[in-house]
Amino acid sequence: MKYLKPQVVAVFLGTVLFSTNVQAREPIGDLNLSDYCEAQGFESSQLSRKRVGTQAAYENWFCVKGNNRKIINLESACQWQYPNYQVFAWPFDPDDAYSWKCFERITPNNQRFK
C-alpha cells in the first residue's frame, strides 16, 4: 500500500478548505481611515506603534480626538467606505500597518454576496 507524503495531504486539505470558504480575487480599494474616523466623530486616525515591525498591521490603528482614542475595526471601516459591497479587510503584509486593503466577498463560483 502506498502512502501520500504529508506535503501532498496538506495541499489537498488546503484546497478543500479554501474551496469552501469565501474568496476574493483583487482588492476593491484602499482604506481612508482619516475620513472614517471623522465620520465617527473623531479628529483623525493614527498609529499606536511604528508603521513597520512584527505584526504592525494588527491592533495598531486608532481614531483620536484629543486624549480620546478608539481602536479601528478595519472591517467596519471597509464596510463604511464601500457600502454597496459585502467586504472584508486584509493586510497584504502583516508587518506593515499601511498594507490593509478592502476585498469584496465572493462565493467559490464567483457569485456576489447580497
N, C-alpha and C. Protein backbone atom coordinates (compact mmCIF):
# COMPACT_ATOMS: atom_id res chain seq x y z
N MET A 1 0.84 -1.18 0.00
CA MET A 1 0.00 0.00 0.00
C MET A 1 0.89 1.24 0.00
N LYS A 2 0.59 2.20 -0.88
CA LYS A 2 1.36 3.43 -0.95
C LYS A 2 0.75 4.47 -0.03
N TYR A 3 1.61 5.30 0.56
CA TYR A 3 1.17 6.37 1.43
C TYR A 3 1.49 7.72 0.79
N LEU A 4 0.62 8.67 0.99
CA LEU A 4 0.87 10.02 0.49
C LEU A 4 1.83 10.75 1.41
N LYS A 5 2.67 11.55 0.82
CA LYS A 5 3.57 12.37 1.62
C LYS A 5 2.76 13.43 2.36
N PRO A 6 3.21 13.85 3.54
CA PRO A 6 2.48 14.87 4.31
C PRO A 6 2.24 16.16 3.52
N GLN A 7 3.19 16.55 2.64
CA GLN A 7 3.02 17.78 1.87
C GLN A 7 1.83 17.66 0.91
N VAL A 8 1.66 16.49 0.31
CA VAL A 8 0.56 16.28 -0.62
C VAL A 8 -0.77 16.36 0.12
N VAL A 9 -0.84 15.75 1.27
CA VAL A 9 -2.06 15.78 2.09
C VAL A 9 -2.37 17.21 2.50
N ALA A 10 -1.36 17.96 2.91
CA ALA A 10 -1.57 19.35 3.33
C ALA A 10 -2.09 20.20 2.17
N VAL A 11 -1.53 20.02 0.98
CA VAL A 11 -2.00 20.77 -0.18
C VAL A 11 -3.44 20.40 -0.49
N PHE A 12 -3.76 19.11 -0.46
CA PHE A 12 -5.11 18.67 -0.73
C PHE A 12 -6.09 19.24 0.29
N LEU A 13 -5.76 19.15 1.56
CA LEU A 13 -6.65 19.67 2.60
C LEU A 13 -6.81 21.18 2.46
N GLY A 14 -5.73 21.88 2.17
CA GLY A 14 -5.82 23.31 1.97
C GLY A 14 -6.73 23.66 0.82
N THR A 15 -6.67 22.90 -0.26
CA THR A 15 -7.53 23.13 -1.41
C THR A 15 -8.98 22.90 -1.05
N VAL A 16 -9.26 21.84 -0.33
CA VAL A 16 -10.64 21.55 0.09
C VAL A 16 -11.14 22.64 1.02
N LEU A 17 -10.35 23.02 2.00
CA LEU A 17 -10.80 24.04 2.95
C LEU A 17 -11.02 25.38 2.27
N PHE A 18 -10.09 25.81 1.43
CA PHE A 18 -10.23 27.10 0.79
C PHE A 18 -11.33 27.11 -0.26
N SER A 19 -11.60 25.99 -0.88
CA SER A 19 -12.62 25.98 -1.92
C SER A 19 -14.02 26.12 -1.33
N THR A 20 -14.18 25.86 -0.04
CA THR A 20 -15.50 26.00 0.57
C THR A 20 -15.67 27.34 1.25
N ASN A 21 -14.61 28.12 1.38
CA ASN A 21 -14.69 29.41 2.05
C ASN A 21 -14.97 30.52 1.05
N VAL A 22 -15.31 31.69 1.61
CA VAL A 22 -15.46 32.88 0.80
C VAL A 22 -14.10 33.25 0.23
N GLN A 23 -14.08 33.68 -1.01
CA GLN A 23 -12.83 34.01 -1.66
C GLN A 23 -12.88 35.43 -2.20
N ALA A 24 -11.72 35.97 -2.52
CA ALA A 24 -11.63 37.27 -3.16
C ALA A 24 -10.50 37.23 -4.16
N ARG A 25 -10.68 37.93 -5.25
CA ARG A 25 -9.64 37.92 -6.28
C ARG A 25 -8.73 39.13 -6.16
N GLU A 26 -9.27 40.31 -6.22
CA GLU A 26 -8.49 41.54 -6.19
C GLU A 26 -9.10 42.47 -5.15
N PRO A 27 -8.28 43.31 -4.55
CA PRO A 27 -8.86 44.28 -3.63
C PRO A 27 -9.75 45.26 -4.39
N ILE A 28 -10.81 45.72 -3.74
CA ILE A 28 -11.65 46.74 -4.39
C ILE A 28 -11.15 48.13 -4.06
N GLY A 29 -10.24 48.24 -3.10
CA GLY A 29 -9.69 49.56 -2.83
C GLY A 29 -8.95 49.66 -1.52
N ASP A 30 -8.38 50.84 -1.33
CA ASP A 30 -7.66 51.16 -0.11
C ASP A 30 -8.64 51.62 0.96
N LEU A 31 -8.10 51.88 2.13
CA LEU A 31 -8.88 52.42 3.24
C LEU A 31 -8.51 53.88 3.47
N ASN A 32 -9.51 54.73 3.65
CA ASN A 32 -9.27 56.11 4.04
C ASN A 32 -9.68 56.22 5.50
N LEU A 33 -8.73 55.94 6.38
CA LEU A 33 -9.06 55.86 7.80
C LEU A 33 -9.31 57.23 8.42
N SER A 34 -8.70 58.28 7.90
CA SER A 34 -8.97 59.62 8.43
C SER A 34 -10.43 60.00 8.21
N ASP A 35 -10.94 59.78 6.99
CA ASP A 35 -12.35 60.07 6.72
C ASP A 35 -13.27 59.20 7.57
N TYR A 36 -12.91 57.93 7.73
CA TYR A 36 -13.72 57.03 8.55
C TYR A 36 -13.79 57.55 9.99
N CYS A 37 -12.64 57.93 10.54
CA CYS A 37 -12.62 58.42 11.92
C CYS A 37 -13.41 59.72 12.07
N GLU A 38 -13.27 60.63 11.11
CA GLU A 38 -14.03 61.87 11.15
C GLU A 38 -15.53 61.60 11.12
N ALA A 39 -15.95 60.62 10.33
CA ALA A 39 -17.37 60.25 10.26
C ALA A 39 -17.86 59.67 11.59
N GLN A 40 -16.93 59.13 12.38
CA GLN A 40 -17.28 58.57 13.69
C GLN A 40 -17.18 59.60 14.81
N GLY A 41 -16.88 60.87 14.45
CA GLY A 41 -16.81 61.93 15.44
C GLY A 41 -15.42 62.18 16.01
N PHE A 42 -14.41 61.59 15.41
CA PHE A 42 -13.04 61.80 15.84
C PHE A 42 -12.36 62.81 14.93
N GLU A 43 -11.16 63.23 15.30
CA GLU A 43 -10.44 64.23 14.51
C GLU A 43 -9.58 63.60 13.41
N SER A 44 -9.00 62.44 13.70
CA SER A 44 -8.10 61.83 12.73
C SER A 44 -7.83 60.38 13.10
N SER A 45 -7.00 59.74 12.28
CA SER A 45 -6.53 58.39 12.58
C SER A 45 -5.03 58.45 12.82
N GLN A 46 -4.53 57.52 13.63
CA GLN A 46 -3.10 57.45 13.84
C GLN A 46 -2.69 56.07 14.31
N LEU A 47 -1.41 55.80 14.19
CA LEU A 47 -0.85 54.53 14.64
C LEU A 47 -0.46 54.63 16.10
N SER A 48 -0.55 53.51 16.79
CA SER A 48 -0.08 53.47 18.18
C SER A 48 1.36 52.98 18.28
N ARG A 49 1.84 52.34 17.21
CA ARG A 49 3.22 51.86 17.15
C ARG A 49 3.82 52.26 15.81
N LYS A 50 5.01 51.79 15.54
CA LYS A 50 5.65 52.07 14.26
C LYS A 50 4.86 51.45 13.12
N ARG A 51 5.03 52.05 11.94
CA ARG A 51 4.33 51.56 10.74
C ARG A 51 4.79 50.17 10.36
N VAL A 52 6.08 49.90 10.44
CA VAL A 52 6.64 48.63 10.04
C VAL A 52 7.30 47.96 11.24
N GLY A 53 7.01 46.70 11.42
CA GLY A 53 7.57 45.91 12.51
C GLY A 53 6.77 44.63 12.64
N THR A 54 7.18 43.77 13.52
CA THR A 54 6.50 42.49 13.71
C THR A 54 5.03 42.72 14.05
N GLN A 55 4.14 42.20 13.20
CA GLN A 55 2.69 42.28 13.37
C GLN A 55 2.17 43.74 13.46
N ALA A 56 2.86 44.66 12.80
CA ALA A 56 2.48 46.08 12.86
C ALA A 56 1.12 46.35 12.23
N ALA A 57 0.62 45.46 11.39
CA ALA A 57 -0.68 45.69 10.75
C ALA A 57 -1.83 45.49 11.74
N TYR A 58 -1.60 44.80 12.81
CA TYR A 58 -2.69 44.42 13.72
C TYR A 58 -2.75 45.29 14.97
N GLU A 59 -3.99 45.69 15.31
CA GLU A 59 -4.28 46.47 16.52
C GLU A 59 -3.34 47.66 16.65
N ASN A 60 -3.15 48.38 15.55
CA ASN A 60 -2.22 49.49 15.51
C ASN A 60 -2.91 50.80 15.13
N TRP A 61 -4.05 50.75 14.46
CA TRP A 61 -4.76 51.94 14.02
C TRP A 61 -5.80 52.36 15.03
N PHE A 62 -5.83 53.66 15.32
CA PHE A 62 -6.78 54.23 16.26
C PHE A 62 -7.39 55.50 15.67
N CYS A 63 -8.65 55.75 16.03
CA CYS A 63 -9.26 57.05 15.81
C CYS A 63 -8.94 57.88 17.05
N VAL A 64 -8.64 59.15 16.87
CA VAL A 64 -8.27 60.00 18.00
C VAL A 64 -9.01 61.34 17.96
N LYS A 65 -9.29 61.84 19.15
CA LYS A 65 -9.83 63.19 19.35
C LYS A 65 -9.35 63.64 20.71
N GLY A 66 -8.41 64.56 20.72
CA GLY A 66 -7.80 64.97 21.98
C GLY A 66 -7.10 63.78 22.61
N ASN A 67 -7.44 63.48 23.85
CA ASN A 67 -6.86 62.33 24.56
C ASN A 67 -7.70 61.06 24.39
N ASN A 68 -8.80 61.15 23.67
CA ASN A 68 -9.70 60.02 23.46
C ASN A 68 -9.22 59.21 22.26
N ARG A 69 -9.03 57.91 22.47
CA ARG A 69 -8.59 57.01 21.39
C ARG A 69 -9.49 55.79 21.35
N LYS A 70 -9.76 55.33 20.13
CA LYS A 70 -10.56 54.11 19.96
C LYS A 70 -9.93 53.30 18.84
N ILE A 71 -9.69 52.02 19.10
CA ILE A 71 -9.10 51.16 18.08
C ILE A 71 -10.06 51.05 16.90
N ILE A 72 -9.52 51.03 15.69
CA ILE A 72 -10.34 50.95 14.49
C ILE A 72 -10.57 49.49 14.11
N ASN A 73 -11.83 49.15 13.94
CA ASN A 73 -12.19 47.86 13.37
C ASN A 73 -12.09 48.04 11.86
N LEU A 74 -11.05 47.49 11.26
CA LEU A 74 -10.77 47.74 9.85
C LEU A 74 -11.83 47.15 8.92
N GLU A 75 -12.46 46.08 9.33
CA GLU A 75 -13.56 45.54 8.52
C GLU A 75 -14.73 46.51 8.51
N SER A 76 -15.03 47.11 9.66
CA SER A 76 -16.09 48.12 9.72
C SER A 76 -15.74 49.33 8.86
N ALA A 77 -14.47 49.70 8.85
CA ALA A 77 -14.03 50.82 8.00
C ALA A 77 -14.23 50.48 6.52
N CYS A 78 -13.95 49.26 6.13
CA CYS A 78 -14.19 48.84 4.74
C CYS A 78 -15.68 48.88 4.42
N GLN A 79 -16.52 48.39 5.34
CA GLN A 79 -17.95 48.39 5.10
C GLN A 79 -18.49 49.81 4.98
N TRP A 80 -17.95 50.73 5.79
CA TRP A 80 -18.35 52.13 5.72
C TRP A 80 -17.94 52.74 4.38
N GLN A 81 -16.73 52.45 3.94
CA GLN A 81 -16.20 53.05 2.73
C GLN A 81 -16.80 52.46 1.45
N TYR A 82 -17.19 51.20 1.48
CA TYR A 82 -17.75 50.53 0.31
C TYR A 82 -19.12 49.94 0.66
N PRO A 83 -20.12 50.81 0.86
CA PRO A 83 -21.42 50.33 1.36
C PRO A 83 -22.20 49.46 0.39
N ASN A 84 -21.85 49.49 -0.89
CA ASN A 84 -22.58 48.69 -1.88
C ASN A 84 -22.00 47.30 -2.07
N TYR A 85 -21.04 46.93 -1.24
CA TYR A 85 -20.38 45.64 -1.34
C TYR A 85 -20.41 44.93 0.02
N GLN A 86 -20.37 43.61 -0.01
CA GLN A 86 -20.06 42.82 1.17
C GLN A 86 -18.55 42.69 1.18
N VAL A 87 -17.89 43.25 2.16
CA VAL A 87 -16.43 43.36 2.13
C VAL A 87 -15.78 42.81 3.39
N PHE A 88 -14.50 42.60 3.29
CA PHE A 88 -13.67 42.32 4.45
C PHE A 88 -12.32 43.00 4.24
N ALA A 89 -11.62 43.23 5.35
CA ALA A 89 -10.31 43.87 5.31
C ALA A 89 -9.23 42.82 5.50
N TRP A 90 -8.11 43.02 4.80
CA TRP A 90 -6.99 42.08 4.92
C TRP A 90 -5.69 42.81 4.61
N PRO A 91 -4.64 42.59 5.43
CA PRO A 91 -3.36 43.23 5.11
C PRO A 91 -2.55 42.38 4.14
N PHE A 92 -1.93 43.02 3.17
CA PHE A 92 -1.02 42.30 2.28
C PHE A 92 0.24 41.88 3.01
N ASP A 93 0.63 42.67 4.01
CA ASP A 93 1.84 42.39 4.77
C ASP A 93 1.53 42.57 6.25
N PRO A 94 1.55 41.50 7.04
CA PRO A 94 1.22 41.62 8.46
C PRO A 94 2.19 42.50 9.24
N ASP A 95 3.33 42.80 8.64
CA ASP A 95 4.33 43.64 9.32
C ASP A 95 4.31 45.09 8.85
N ASP A 96 3.28 45.48 8.08
CA ASP A 96 3.16 46.85 7.59
C ASP A 96 1.74 47.36 7.84
N ALA A 97 1.60 48.34 8.70
CA ALA A 97 0.29 48.86 9.06
C ALA A 97 -0.43 49.52 7.89
N TYR A 98 0.31 49.95 6.87
CA TYR A 98 -0.29 50.60 5.71
C TYR A 98 -0.67 49.63 4.60
N SER A 99 -0.60 48.35 4.84
CA SER A 99 -0.86 47.37 3.78
C SER A 99 -2.30 46.87 3.72
N TRP A 100 -3.21 47.42 4.54
CA TRP A 100 -4.60 46.97 4.54
C TRP A 100 -5.31 47.35 3.26
N LYS A 101 -6.13 46.43 2.75
CA LYS A 101 -6.98 46.64 1.58
C LYS A 101 -8.36 46.08 1.88
N CYS A 102 -9.33 46.54 1.13
CA CYS A 102 -10.69 46.02 1.23
C CYS A 102 -10.95 45.08 0.06
N PHE A 103 -11.58 43.97 0.35
CA PHE A 103 -11.90 42.95 -0.64
C PHE A 103 -13.39 42.68 -0.64
N GLU A 104 -13.93 42.41 -1.82
CA GLU A 104 -15.33 42.01 -1.93
C GLU A 104 -15.43 40.52 -1.63
N ARG A 105 -16.44 40.15 -0.85
CA ARG A 105 -16.70 38.74 -0.59
C ARG A 105 -17.39 38.14 -1.81
N ILE A 106 -16.86 37.03 -2.28
CA ILE A 106 -17.50 36.30 -3.37
C ILE A 106 -17.52 34.82 -3.01
N THR A 107 -18.44 34.09 -3.60
CA THR A 107 -18.53 32.67 -3.36
C THR A 107 -17.52 31.95 -4.25
N PRO A 108 -17.24 30.67 -4.01
CA PRO A 108 -16.31 29.94 -4.85
C PRO A 108 -16.69 29.91 -6.33
N ASN A 109 -17.98 30.05 -6.65
CA ASN A 109 -18.38 30.06 -8.05
C ASN A 109 -18.59 31.50 -8.57
N ASN A 110 -17.89 32.45 -7.93
CA ASN A 110 -17.84 33.85 -8.36
C ASN A 110 -19.16 34.59 -8.27
N GLN A 111 -20.03 34.18 -7.37
CA GLN A 111 -21.28 34.90 -7.17
C GLN A 111 -21.06 35.96 -6.09
N ARG A 112 -21.65 37.12 -6.27
CA ARG A 112 -21.55 38.19 -5.28
C ARG A 112 -22.50 37.90 -4.12
N PHE A 113 -22.07 38.27 -2.93
CA PHE A 113 -22.97 38.21 -1.78
C PHE A 113 -23.90 39.41 -1.86
N LYS A 114 -25.13 39.21 -1.42
CA LYS A 114 -26.10 40.33 -1.45
C LYS A 114 -26.55 40.64 -0.07
